Amino acid sequence: MAAENFGIVITNTLDFEYAFSNAPALNIIGISAAADPFGSGTEFSGLINLGTNAVSIGLGGSNNLVVFSGRVIGSGSLNIYGNSILALEGQSSYTGSTTISSGTLELAATSFDSTNLVLAGGTLMVVGDLYFTFTGNGTTLCVATNSTIGFDGVGEDLVFADSSGITWNGILNLTNYLTGYNYLQFYHAGYTNNSSALTKAQLAKIEFDGMGLGSAQLDQQGYVVSLGQILSPKISGTNFIFNLATVSNQIYEIDSTTNLASASWTNFTVFFGDGGTDEIVVPIPPGSSHQFFRVSSSQ
């Protein structure tokens, strides 16, 4: 299916329930940004019925946009592939699994009942200032191969069910994710401590903006935080000021030195994290031409 004009809206029902194959595939060539100055894409506003089938939606072209603004229903599964973007803007009440093999699934809807989200090389992009939870139907997250979850601004909350029983074989890169501003949570209903909703092996496969592995932790509420993530560093007068994203009950130590080649570090403070973002004010010693700081933590 190809769209030649920008802003095209298809109101008909997209119904896979009575497809001849139980694994039907539809390749949609949406509209490129160059041909669509208003960014409205090719929109399907009618009902999208997966039935009981394993439906594959191909996204032709490169960075083209296809929008499902209608309700997506059925007990079947959805596999997304290609080099473009599928935006779910309507209510998604289908209950099968969702696999992003390539391309981008853009979430701007307020409900999503798929039982399992599999990242298999594509990107899940969360857009808009919204609270988006998968836990109503117990949606787990599987990272099958190296994939990305991206946040487009500030204020997105993305909540999955406890996924500690799922094997992750790939690296999960979180882009534009700022602890205290965006929230990715893994949650087990009825648990007061959700710090085990991902395993240590899974946490070891999470990185932030491609900056390397090993800094991801879950706090007691199940939020993903970057261990010792330093935010908004600045010098104000004779003080070095920064915000530090912390994990609840984790011990943090801040040291300083004037010579990185030296093994001598001076401790400034030791404190317990509260799971939030704390402002740290460190005085700069008079006469220092250079001052280096380090943050370490322990259980």
C-alpha atoms as a PDB file:
ATOM      1  CA  MET A   1       0.000   0.000   0.000  1.00  0.00           C
ATOM      2  CA  ALA A   2       1.576   3.277  -1.044  1.00  0.00           C
ATOM      3  CA  ALA A   3       0.561   6.813  -0.169  1.00  0.00           C
ATOM      4  CA  GLU A   4       1.336   9.528  -2.682  1.00  0.00           C
ATOM      5  CA  ASN A   5      -0.143  12.560  -0.901  1.00  0.00           C
ATOM      6  CA  PHE A   6       0.505  13.987   2.526  1.00  0.00           C
ATOM      7  CA  GLY A   7      -2.163  13.871   5.206  1.00  0.00           C
ATOM      8  CA  ILE A   8      -3.965  10.839   3.778  1.00  0.00           C
ATOM      9  CA  VAL A   9      -6.559   9.313   6.148  1.00  0.00           C
ATOM     10  CA  ILE A  10      -7.992   5.819   5.594  1.00  0.00           C
ATOM     11  CA  THR A  11     -11.233   5.356   7.532  1.00  0.00           C
ATOM     12  CA  ASN A  12     -11.977   1.760   6.517  1.00  0.00           C
ATOM     13  CA  THR A  13     -11.573  -1.136   8.933  1.00  0.00           C
ATOM     14  CA  LEU A  14      -8.224  -2.927   8.614  1.00  0.00           C
ATOM     15  CA  ASP A  15      -9.374  -6.483   9.323  1.00  0.00           C
ATOM     16  CA  PHE A  16      -7.001  -9.462   9.505  1.00  0.00           C
ATOM     17  CA  GLU A  17      -9.432 -11.791  11.275  1.00  0.00           C
ATOM     18  CA  TYR A  18     -10.443 -13.721   8.145  1.00  0.00           C
ATOM     19  CA  ALA A  19      -7.089 -13.651   6.370  1.00  0.00           C
ATOM     20  CA  PHE A  20      -6.230 -16.810   4.394  1.00  0.00           C
ATOM     21  CA  SER A  21      -2.983 -17.129   6.365  1.00  0.00           C
ATOM     22  CA  ASN A  22      -2.683 -17.177  10.147  1.00  0.00           C
ATOM     23  CA  ALA A  23       0.450 -15.075   9.706  1.00  0.00           C
ATOM     24  CA  PRO A  24      -0.646 -12.324   7.328  1.00  0.00           C
ATOM     25  CA  ALA A  25       1.728  -9.504   6.388  1.00  0.00           C
ATOM     26  CA  LEU A  26       1.011  -6.021   5.105  1.00  0.00           C
ATOM     27  CA  ASN A  27       3.723  -3.680   3.906  1.00  0.00           C
ATOM     28  CA  ILE A  28       2.690  -0.035   4.187  1.00  0.00           C
ATOM     29  CA  ILE A  29       4.766   2.604   2.460  1.00  0.00           C
ATOM     30  CA  GLY A  30       3.939   5.696   4.440  1.00  0.00           C
ATOM     31  CA  ILE A  31       4.842   9.281   3.630  1.00  0.00           C
ATOM     32  CA  SER A  32       8.348  10.677   3.865  1.00  0.00           C
ATOM     33  CA  ALA A  33       9.049  13.860   5.787  1.00  0.00           C
ATOM     34  CA  ALA A  34      10.014  15.571   2.537  1.00  0.00           C
ATOM     35  CA  ALA A  35       6.588  14.854   1.018  1.00  0.00           C
ATOM     36  CA  ASP A  36       4.641  15.502   4.214  1.00  0.00           C
ATOM     37  CA  PRO A  37       5.440  18.968   5.594  1.00  0.00           C
ATOM     38  CA  PHE A  38       2.729  18.702   8.241  1.00  0.00           C
ATOM     39  CA  GLY A  39       4.045  15.411   9.635  1.00  0.00           C
ATOM     40  CA  SER A  40       0.625  13.776   9.609  1.00  0.00           C
ATOM     41  CA  GLY A  41       1.677  10.601   7.793  1.00  0.00           C
ATOM     42  CA  THR A  42      -0.606   7.906   6.452  1.00  0.00           C
ATOM     43  CA  GLU A  43      -3.350   7.466   9.021  1.00  0.00           C
ATOM     44  CA  PHE A  44      -5.665   4.520   9.615  1.00  0.00           C
ATOM     45  CA  SER A  45      -8.511   5.904  11.717  1.00  0.00           C
ATOM     46  CA  GLY A  46     -10.835   2.909  11.547  1.00  0.00           C
ATOM     47  CA  LEU A  47     -10.815  -0.295  13.577  1.00  0.00           C
ATOM     48  CA  ILE A  48      -7.701  -2.480  13.239  1.00  0.00           C
ATOM     49  CA  ASN A  49      -8.618  -6.095  14.014  1.00  0.00           C
ATOM     50  CA  LEU A  50      -5.764  -8.600  14.380  1.00  0.00           C
ATOM     51  CA  GLY A  51      -8.144 -11.465  15.101  1.00  0.00           C
ATOM     52  CA  THR A  52      -6.207 -14.485  16.385  1.00  0.00           C
ATOM     53  CA  ASN A  53      -3.414 -14.078  13.843  1.00  0.00           C
ATOM     54  CA  ALA A  54       0.275 -13.207  14.045  1.00  0.00           C
ATOM     55  CA  VAL A  55       0.165 -10.041  11.978  1.00  0.00           C
ATOM     56  CA  SER A  56       3.309  -8.461  10.522  1.00  0.00           C
ATOM     57  CA  ILE A  57       3.233  -4.791   9.590  1.00  0.00           C
ATOM     58  CA  GLY A  58       6.041  -3.755   7.279  1.00  0.00           C
ATOM     59  CA  LEU A  59       7.029  -0.111   7.201  1.00  0.00           C
ATOM     60  CA  GLY A  60       8.428   0.687   3.773  1.00  0.00           C
ATOM     61  CA  GLY A  61      10.630   3.618   2.849  1.00  0.00           C
ATOM     62  CA  SER A  62      12.933   5.342   5.308  1.00  0.00           C
ATOM     63  CA  ASN A  63      11.630   7.369   8.256  1.00  0.00           C
ATOM     64  CA  ASN A  64       8.153   7.390   6.762  1.00  0.00           C
ATOM     65  CA  LEU A  65       5.205   7.712   9.132  1.00  0.00           C
ATOM     66  CA  VAL A  66       2.197   5.394   9.499  1.00  0.00           C
ATOM     67  CA  VAL A  67      -0.405   6.190  12.156  1.00  0.00           C
ATOM     68  CA  PHE A  68      -2.921   3.818  13.736  1.00  0.00           C
ATOM     69  CA  SER A  69      -5.338   6.224  15.401  1.00  0.00           C
ATOM     70  CA  GLY A  70      -8.139   3.675  15.440  1.00  0.00           C
ATOM     71  CA  ARG A  71      -8.595   1.017  18.092  1.00  0.00           C
ATOM     72  CA  VAL A  72      -6.417  -2.102  17.690  1.00  0.00           C
ATOM     73  CA  ILE A  73      -8.222  -5.234  18.895  1.00  0.00           C
ATOM     74  CA  GLY A  74      -7.928  -9.027  18.874  1.00  0.00           C
ATOM     75  CA  SER A  75      -6.007 -11.757  20.648  1.00  0.00           C
ATOM     76  CA  GLY A  76      -3.378 -11.946  17.933  1.00  0.00           C
ATOM     77  CA  SER A  77       0.175 -10.625  17.963  1.00  0.00           C
ATOM     78  CA  LEU A  78       1.821  -7.759  16.136  1.00  0.00           C
ATOM     79  CA  ASN A  79       5.284  -7.777  14.561  1.00  0.00           C
ATOM     80  CA  ILE A  80       6.730  -4.507  13.289  1.00  0.00           C
ATOM     81  CA  TYR A  81       9.593  -4.356  10.803  1.00  0.00           C
ATOM     82  CA  GLY A  82      11.078  -1.954   8.264  1.00  0.00           C
ATOM     83  CA  ASN A  83      12.906   1.368   8.433  1.00  0.00           C
ATOM     84  CA  SER A  84      10.024   3.684   9.261  1.00  0.00           C
ATOM     85  CA  ILE A  85       7.705   4.660  12.114  1.00  0.00           C
ATOM     86  CA  LEU A  86       4.391   3.189  13.252  1.00  0.00           C
ATOM     87  CA  ALA A  87       2.600   5.483  15.700  1.00  0.00           C
ATOM     88  CA  LEU A  88      -0.104   4.003  17.938  1.00  0.00           C
ATOM     89  CA  GLU A  89      -2.377   6.862  18.907  1.00  0.00           C
ATOM     90  CA  GLY A  90      -5.626   5.048  19.611  1.00  0.00           C
ATOM     91  CA  GLN A  91      -6.583   2.524  22.270  1.00  0.00           C
ATOM     92  CA  SER A  92      -4.608  -0.692  21.814  1.00  0.00           C
ATOM     93  CA  SER A  93      -6.560  -3.472  23.473  1.00  0.00           C
ATOM     94  CA  TYR A  94      -5.149  -6.453  21.583  1.00  0.00           C
ATOM     95  CA  THR A  95      -3.742  -9.022  23.996  1.00  0.00           C
ATOM     96  CA  GLY A  96      -1.110 -10.884  21.988  1.00  0.00           C
ATOM     97  CA  SER A  97       2.592 -10.082  22.080  1.00  0.00           C
ATOM     98  CA  THR A  98       4.215  -7.135  20.294  1.00  0.00           C
ATOM     99  CA  THR A  99       7.603  -7.498  18.599  1.00  0.00           C
ATOM    100  CA  ILE A 100       9.619  -4.602  17.216  1.00  0.00           C
ATOM    101  CA  SER A 101      12.037  -6.306  14.832  1.00  0.00           C
ATOM    102  CA  SER A 102      13.226  -3.081  13.224  1.00  0.00           C
ATOM    103  CA  GLY A 103      11.985   0.417  12.683  1.00  0.00           C
ATOM    104  CA  THR A 104      10.203   2.395  15.398  1.00  0.00           C
ATOM    105  CA  LEU A 105       7.000   1.888  17.354  1.00  0.00           C
ATOM    106  CA  GLU A 106       5.917   5.278  18.636  1.00  0.00           C
ATOM    107  CA  LEU A 107       3.570   5.250  21.614  1.00  0.00           C
ATOM    108  CA  ALA A 108       1.261   8.190  22.023  1.00  0.00           C
ATOM    109  CA  ALA A 109      -1.736   6.203  23.245  1.00  0.00           C
ATOM    110  CA  THR A 110      -3.006   5.944  26.796  1.00  0.00           C
ATOM    111  CA  SER A 111      -3.652   2.188  26.914  1.00  0.00           C
ATOM    112  CA  PHE A 112      -1.783  -0.860  25.692  1.00  0.00           C
ATOM    113  CA  ASP A 113      -2.845  -4.385  26.671  1.00  0.00           C
ATOM    114  CA  SER A 114      -0.276  -6.492  24.807  1.00  0.00           C
ATOM    115  CA  THR A 115       0.949  -9.238  27.151  1.00  0.00           C
ATOM    116  CA  ASN A 116       4.617  -9.077  26.168  1.00  0.00           C
ATOM    117  CA  LEU A 117       6.726  -6.460  24.418  1.00  0.00           C
ATOM    118  CA  VAL A 118       9.751  -7.878  22.600  1.00  0.00           C
ATOM    119  CA  LEU A 119      12.513  -5.565  21.427  1.00  0.00           C
ATOM    120  CA  ALA A 120      14.302  -7.445  18.652  1.00  0.00           C
ATOM    121  CA  GLY A 121      16.389  -4.741  17.040  1.00  0.00           C
ATOM    122  CA  GLY A 122      13.957  -1.848  16.772  1.00  0.00           C
ATOM    123  CA  THR A 123      13.081   1.217  18.814  1.00  0.00           C
ATOM    124  CA  LEU A 124      10.237   1.921  21.202  1.00  0.00           C
ATOM    125  CA  MET A 125       9.701   5.697  21.342  1.00  0.00           C
ATOM    126  CA  VAL A 126       7.576   7.254  24.075  1.00  0.00           C
ATOM    127  CA  VAL A 127       6.127  10.627  23.129  1.00  0.00           C
ATOM    128  CA  GLY A 128       4.059  13.212  24.936  1.00  0.00           C
ATOM    129  CA  ASP A 129       3.702  14.057  28.599  1.00  0.00           C
ATOM    130  CA  LEU A 130       1.832  10.936  29.655  1.00  0.00           C
ATOM    131  CA  TYR A 131       1.696   8.172  32.215  1.00  0.00           C
ATOM    132  CA  PHE A 132       1.866   4.967  30.213  1.00  0.00           C
ATOM    133  CA  THR A 133       1.441   1.679  32.053  1.00  0.00           C
ATOM    134  CA  PHE A 134       1.573  -1.870  30.771  1.00  0.00           C
ATOM    135  CA  THR A 135       0.796  -3.458  34.138  1.00  0.00           C
ATOM    136  CA  GLY A 136      -2.960  -3.724  33.685  1.00  0.00           C
ATOM    137  CA  ASN A 137      -2.446  -6.831  31.584  1.00  0.00           C
ATOM    138  CA  GLY A 138       0.913  -7.774  33.100  1.00  0.00           C
ATOM    139  CA  THR A 139       3.004  -6.731  30.099  1.00  0.00           C
ATOM    140  CA  THR A 140       6.613  -7.852  30.427  1.00  0.00           C
ATOM    141  CA  LEU A 141       9.643  -6.578  28.536  1.00  0.00           C
ATOM    142  CA  CYS A 142      12.027  -8.834  26.613  1.00  0.00           C
ATOM    143  CA  VAL A 143      15.197  -7.491  24.986  1.00  0.00           C
ATOM    144  CA  ALA A 144      15.992 -10.165  22.415  1.00  0.00           C
ATOM    145  CA  THR A 145      18.710  -8.255  20.536  1.00  0.00           C
ATOM    146  CA  ASN A 146      20.289  -4.817  20.894  1.00  0.00           C
ATOM    147  CA  SER A 147      17.429  -2.304  20.923  1.00  0.00           C
ATOM    148  CA  THR A 148      16.400   1.146  22.100  1.00  0.00           C
ATOM    149  CA  ILE A 149      13.756   2.800  24.223  1.00  0.00           C
ATOM    150  CA  GLY A 150      13.704   6.530  23.557  1.00  0.00           C
ATOM    151  CA  PHE A 151      12.019   9.419  25.367  1.00  0.00           C
ATOM    152  CA  ASP A 152      11.191  12.578  23.452  1.00  0.00           C
ATOM    153  CA  GLY A 153      11.056  15.027  26.344  1.00  0.00           C
ATOM    154  CA  VAL A 154      10.258  15.335  30.029  1.00  0.00           C
ATOM    155  CA  GLY A 155       7.384  13.750  31.891  1.00  0.00           C
ATOM    156  CA  GLU A 156       6.960  10.323  30.291  1.00  0.00           C
ATOM    157  CA  ASP A 157       6.259   7.442  32.670  1.00  0.00           C
ATOM    158  CA  LEU A 158       6.660   3.958  31.201  1.00  0.00           C
ATOM    159  CA  VAL A 159       5.645   1.107  33.507  1.00  0.00           C
ATOM    160  CA  PHE A 160       6.136  -2.614  32.838  1.00  0.00           C
ATOM    161  CA  ALA A 161       5.261  -5.615  34.936  1.00  0.00           C
ATOM    162  CA  ASP A 162       7.995  -7.516  36.790  1.00  0.00           C
ATOM    163  CA  SER A 163      10.216  -8.883  33.990  1.00  0.00           C
ATOM    164  CA  SER A 164      12.817 -10.706  36.069  1.00  0.00           C
ATOM    165  CA  GLY A 165      11.686 -14.050  34.669  1.00  0.00           C
ATOM    166  CA  ILE A 166      12.423 -13.024  31.073  1.00  0.00           C
ATOM    167  CA  THR A 167      15.809 -13.761  29.477  1.00  0.00           C
ATOM    168  CA  TRP A 168      17.448 -10.734  27.862  1.00  0.00           C
ATOM    169  CA  ASN A 169      20.023 -11.478  25.160  1.00  0.00           C
ATOM    170  CA  GLY A 170      20.537  -7.939  23.900  1.00  0.00           C
ATOM    171  CA  ILE A 171      21.585  -4.530  25.199  1.00  0.00           C
ATOM    172  CA  LEU A 172      18.864  -1.997  25.993  1.00  0.00           C
ATOM    173  CA  ASN A 173      19.907   1.581  25.246  1.00  0.00           C
ATOM    174  CA  LEU A 174      17.813   4.273  26.952  1.00  0.00           C
ATOM    175  CA  THR A 175      18.056   7.558  25.050  1.00  0.00           C
ATOM    176  CA  ASN A 176      17.202  10.986  26.440  1.00  0.00           C
ATOM    177  CA  TYR A 177      16.363   9.322  29.761  1.00  0.00           C
ATOM    178  CA  LEU A 178      16.945  11.587  32.732  1.00  0.00           C
ATOM    179  CA  THR A 179      16.398  10.155  36.192  1.00  0.00           C
ATOM    180  CA  GLY A 180      13.908  12.331  38.022  1.00  0.00           C
ATOM    181  CA  TYR A 181      12.413  13.656  34.792  1.00  0.00           C
ATOM    182  CA  ASN A 182      11.520  10.497  32.860  1.00  0.00           C
ATOM    183  CA  TYR A 183      10.482   7.268  34.550  1.00  0.00           C
ATOM    184  CA  LEU A 184      10.895   3.650  33.476  1.00  0.00           C
ATOM    185  CA  GLN A 185       9.472   1.347  36.110  1.00  0.00           C
ATOM    186  CA  PHE A 186       9.190  -2.420  36.590  1.00  0.00           C
ATOM    187  CA  TYR A 187       6.430  -3.195  39.032  1.00  0.00           C
ATOM    188  CA  HIS A 188       4.960  -6.235  40.759  1.00  0.00           C
ATOM    189  CA  ALA A 189       1.486  -5.537  42.135  1.00  0.00           C
ATOM    190  CA  GLY A 190       1.360  -5.963  45.883  1.00  0.00           C
ATOM    191  CA  TYR A 191       5.125  -5.788  46.408  1.00  0.00           C
ATOM    192  CA  THR A 192       6.456  -3.007  48.618  1.00  0.00           C
ATOM    193  CA  ASN A 193      10.000  -3.504  47.319  1.00  0.00           C
ATOM    194  CA  ASN A 194      10.370  -3.803  43.542  1.00  0.00           C
ATOM    195  CA  SER A 195      14.154  -3.580  43.354  1.00  0.00           C
ATOM    196  CA  SER A 196      14.253  -7.210  42.145  1.00  0.00           C
ATOM    197  CA  ALA A 197      11.750  -6.707  39.286  1.00  0.00           C
ATOM    198  CA  LEU A 198      14.789  -6.971  36.996  1.00  0.00           C
ATOM    199  CA  THR A 199      17.732  -9.275  37.636  1.00  0.00           C
ATOM    200  CA  LYS A 200      21.319  -8.093  38.009  1.00  0.00           C
ATOM    201  CA  ALA A 201      22.055  -9.712  34.638  1.00  0.00           C
ATOM    202  CA  GLN A 202      19.298  -7.661  33.009  1.00  0.00           C
ATOM    203  CA  LEU A 203      20.440  -4.443  34.671  1.00  0.00           C
ATOM    204  CA  ALA A 204      23.951  -5.112  33.404  1.00  0.00           C
ATOM    205  CA  LYS A 205      22.545  -4.933  29.849  1.00  0.00           C
ATOM    206  CA  ILE A 206      21.096  -1.413  30.218  1.00  0.00           C
ATOM    207  CA  GLU A 207      23.009   1.650  29.094  1.00  0.00           C
ATOM    208  CA  PHE A 208      22.153   5.336  28.914  1.00  0.00           C
ATOM    209  CA  ASP A 209      22.620   7.163  25.589  1.00  0.00           C
ATOM    210  CA  GLY A 210      25.185   4.574  24.527  1.00  0.00           C
ATOM    211  CA  MET A 211      27.603   5.650  27.261  1.00  0.00           C
ATOM    212  CA  GLY A 212      28.463   2.145  28.473  1.00  0.00           C
ATOM    213  CA  LEU A 213      27.091  -0.592  30.685  1.00  0.00           C
ATOM    214  CA  GLY A 214      27.132  -1.143  34.416  1.00  0.00           C
ATOM    215  CA  SER A 215      25.429   1.937  35.874  1.00  0.00           C
ATOM    216  CA  ALA A 216      21.751   0.895  35.833  1.00  0.00           C
ATOM    217  CA  GLN A 217      19.965   0.026  39.074  1.00  0.00           C
ATOM    218  CA  LEU A 218      16.387  -0.381  40.279  1.00  0.00           C
ATOM    219  CA  ASP A 219      15.322   1.528  43.360  1.00  0.00           C
ATOM    220  CA  GLN A 220      12.797   0.080  45.824  1.00  0.00           C
ATOM    221  CA  GLN A 221       9.882   1.375  43.754  1.00  0.00           C
ATOM    222  CA  GLY A 222      11.211  -0.399  40.677  1.00  0.00           C
ATOM    223  CA  TYR A 223      12.374   2.726  38.839  1.00  0.00           C
ATOM    224  CA  VAL A 224      15.421   2.449  36.590  1.00  0.00           C
ATOM    225  CA  VAL A 225      18.078   4.896  37.732  1.00  0.00           C
ATOM    226  CA  SER A 226      21.637   5.475  36.656  1.00  0.00           C
ATOM    227  CA  LEU A 227      23.978   4.789  39.539  1.00  0.00           C
ATOM    228  CA  GLY A 228      25.601   8.075  40.415  1.00  0.00           C
ATOM    229  CA  GLN A 229      24.165   9.898  37.423  1.00  0.00           C
ATOM    230  CA  ILE A 230      25.365  13.502  37.631  1.00  0.00           C
ATOM    231  CA  LEU A 231      22.939  16.088  36.288  1.00  0.00           C
ATOM    232  CA  SER A 232      23.232  19.825  35.598  1.00  0.00           C
ATOM    233  CA  PRO A 233      26.813  20.419  36.884  1.00  0.00           C
ATOM    234  CA  LYS A 234      27.767  24.078  37.304  1.00  0.00           C
ATOM    235  CA  ILE A 235      30.051  26.441  39.227  1.00  0.00           C
ATOM    236  CA  SER A 236      28.341  29.115  41.276  1.00  0.00           C
ATOM    237  CA  GLY A 237      30.654  31.484  43.117  1.00  0.00           C
ATOM    238  CA  THR A 238      33.069  29.328  45.135  1.00  0.00           C
ATOM    239  CA  ASN A 239      30.896  26.193  44.942  1.00  0.00           C
ATOM    240  CA  PHE A 240      30.638  23.278  42.539  1.00  0.00           C
ATOM    241  CA  ILE A 241      26.947  22.316  42.336  1.00  0.00           C
ATOM    242  CA  PHE A 242      25.363  19.280  40.699  1.00  0.00           C
ATOM    243  CA  ASN A 243      22.333  17.012  41.027  1.00  0.00           C
ATOM    244  CA  LEU A 244      22.879  13.337  41.788  1.00  0.00           C
ATOM    245  CA  ALA A 245      20.344  10.645  40.936  1.00  0.00           C
ATOM    246  CA  THR A 246      20.343   8.141  43.804  1.00  0.00           C
ATOM    247  CA  VAL A 247      19.057   4.692  44.665  1.00  0.00           C
ATOM    248  CA  SER A 248      17.152   4.264  47.916  1.00  0.00           C
ATOM    249  CA  ASN A 249      19.362   3.105  50.844  1.00  0.00           C
ATOM    250  CA  GLN A 250      22.478   3.122  48.675  1.00  0.00           C
ATOM    251  CA  ILE A 251      25.527   4.709  50.348  1.00  0.00           C
ATOM    252  CA  TYR A 252      27.166   7.523  48.365  1.00  0.00           C
ATOM    253  CA  GLU A 253      30.603   9.006  48.950  1.00  0.00           C
ATOM    254  CA  ILE A 254      31.882  12.181  47.303  1.00  0.00           C
ATOM    255  CA  ASP A 255      35.648  12.796  47.251  1.00  0.00           C
ATOM    256  CA  SER A 256      37.849  15.452  45.683  1.00  0.00           C
ATOM    257  CA  THR A 257      41.483  15.926  44.677  1.00  0.00           C
ATOM    258  CA  THR A 258      43.616  18.508  42.914  1.00  0.00           C
ATOM    259  CA  ASN A 259      45.785  15.917  41.179  1.00  0.00           C
ATOM    260  CA  LEU A 260      44.355  12.934  39.292  1.00  0.00           C
ATOM    261  CA  ALA A 261      47.783  11.293  39.247  1.00  0.00           C
ATOM    262  CA  SER A 262      47.773  11.229  43.040  1.00  0.00           C
ATOM    263  CA  ALA A 263      46.232   8.436  45.057  1.00  0.00           C
ATOM    264  CA  SER A 264      45.177  10.952  47.665  1.00  0.00           C
ATOM    265  CA  TRP A 265      41.482  11.868  47.738  1.00  0.00           C
ATOM    266  CA  THR A 266      39.754  14.009  50.366  1.00  0.00           C
ATOM    267  CA  ASN A 267      36.307  12.922  51.469  1.00  0.00           C
ATOM    268  CA  PHE A 268      33.649  15.616  51.314  1.00  0.00           C
ATOM    269  CA  THR A 269      30.516  13.763  52.418  1.00  0.00           C
ATOM    270  CA  VAL A 270      28.876  10.358  52.837  1.00  0.00           C
ATOM    271  CA  PHE A 271      25.099   9.973  52.703  1.00  0.00           C
ATOM    272  CA  PHE A 272      22.263   7.535  52.025  1.00  0.00           C
ATOM    273  CA  GLY A 273      20.317   7.838  48.787  1.00  0.00           C
ATOM    274  CA  ASP A 274      16.572   8.331  48.983  1.00  0.00           C
ATOM    275  CA  GLY A 275      15.651   7.207  45.470  1.00  0.00           C
ATOM    276  CA  GLY A 276      15.334  10.802  44.298  1.00  0.00           C
ATOM    277  CA  THR A 277      17.605  13.437  42.828  1.00  0.00           C
ATOM    278  CA  ASP A 278      19.665  15.338  45.415  1.00  0.00           C
ATOM    279  CA  GLU A 279      21.426  18.664  44.957  1.00  0.00           C
ATOM    280  CA  ILE A 280      25.064  18.501  46.044  1.00  0.00           C
ATOM    281  CA  VAL A 281      26.993  21.682  46.879  1.00  0.00           C
ATOM    282  CA  VAL A 282      30.772  21.200  47.170  1.00  0.00           C
ATOM    283  CA  PRO A 283      32.970  24.160  48.216  1.00  0.00           C
ATOM    284  CA  ILE A 284      35.980  24.756  45.970  1.00  0.00           C
ATOM    285  CA  PRO A 285      39.131  25.284  48.100  1.00  0.00           C
ATOM    286  CA  PRO A 286      40.644  28.793  47.773  1.00  0.00           C
ATOM    287  CA  GLY A 287      43.577  28.992  45.379  1.00  0.00           C
ATOM    288  CA  SER A 288      42.691  25.764  43.513  1.00  0.00           C
ATOM    289  CA  SER A 289      43.440  25.970  39.833  1.00  0.00           C
ATOM    290  CA  HIS A 290      41.996  22.491  39.251  1.00  0.00           C
ATOM    291  CA  GLN A 291      39.592  20.422  41.326  1.00  0.00           C
ATOM    292  CA  PHE A 292      38.428  16.905  40.481  1.00  0.00           C
ATOM    293  CA  PHE A 293      35.485  15.098  42.036  1.00  0.00           C
ATOM    294  CA  ARG A 294      34.405  11.462  42.115  1.00  0.00           C
ATOM    295  CA  VAL A 295      31.243   9.754  43.283  1.00  0.00           C
ATOM    296  CA  SER A 296      31.281   6.173  44.527  1.00  0.00           C
ATOM    297  CA  SER A 297      28.530   4.041  46.006  1.00  0.00           C
ATOM    298  CA  SER A 298      27.983   0.790  47.847  1.00  0.00           C
ATOM    299  CA  GLN A 299      25.114  -1.200  49.293  1.00  0.00           C
END
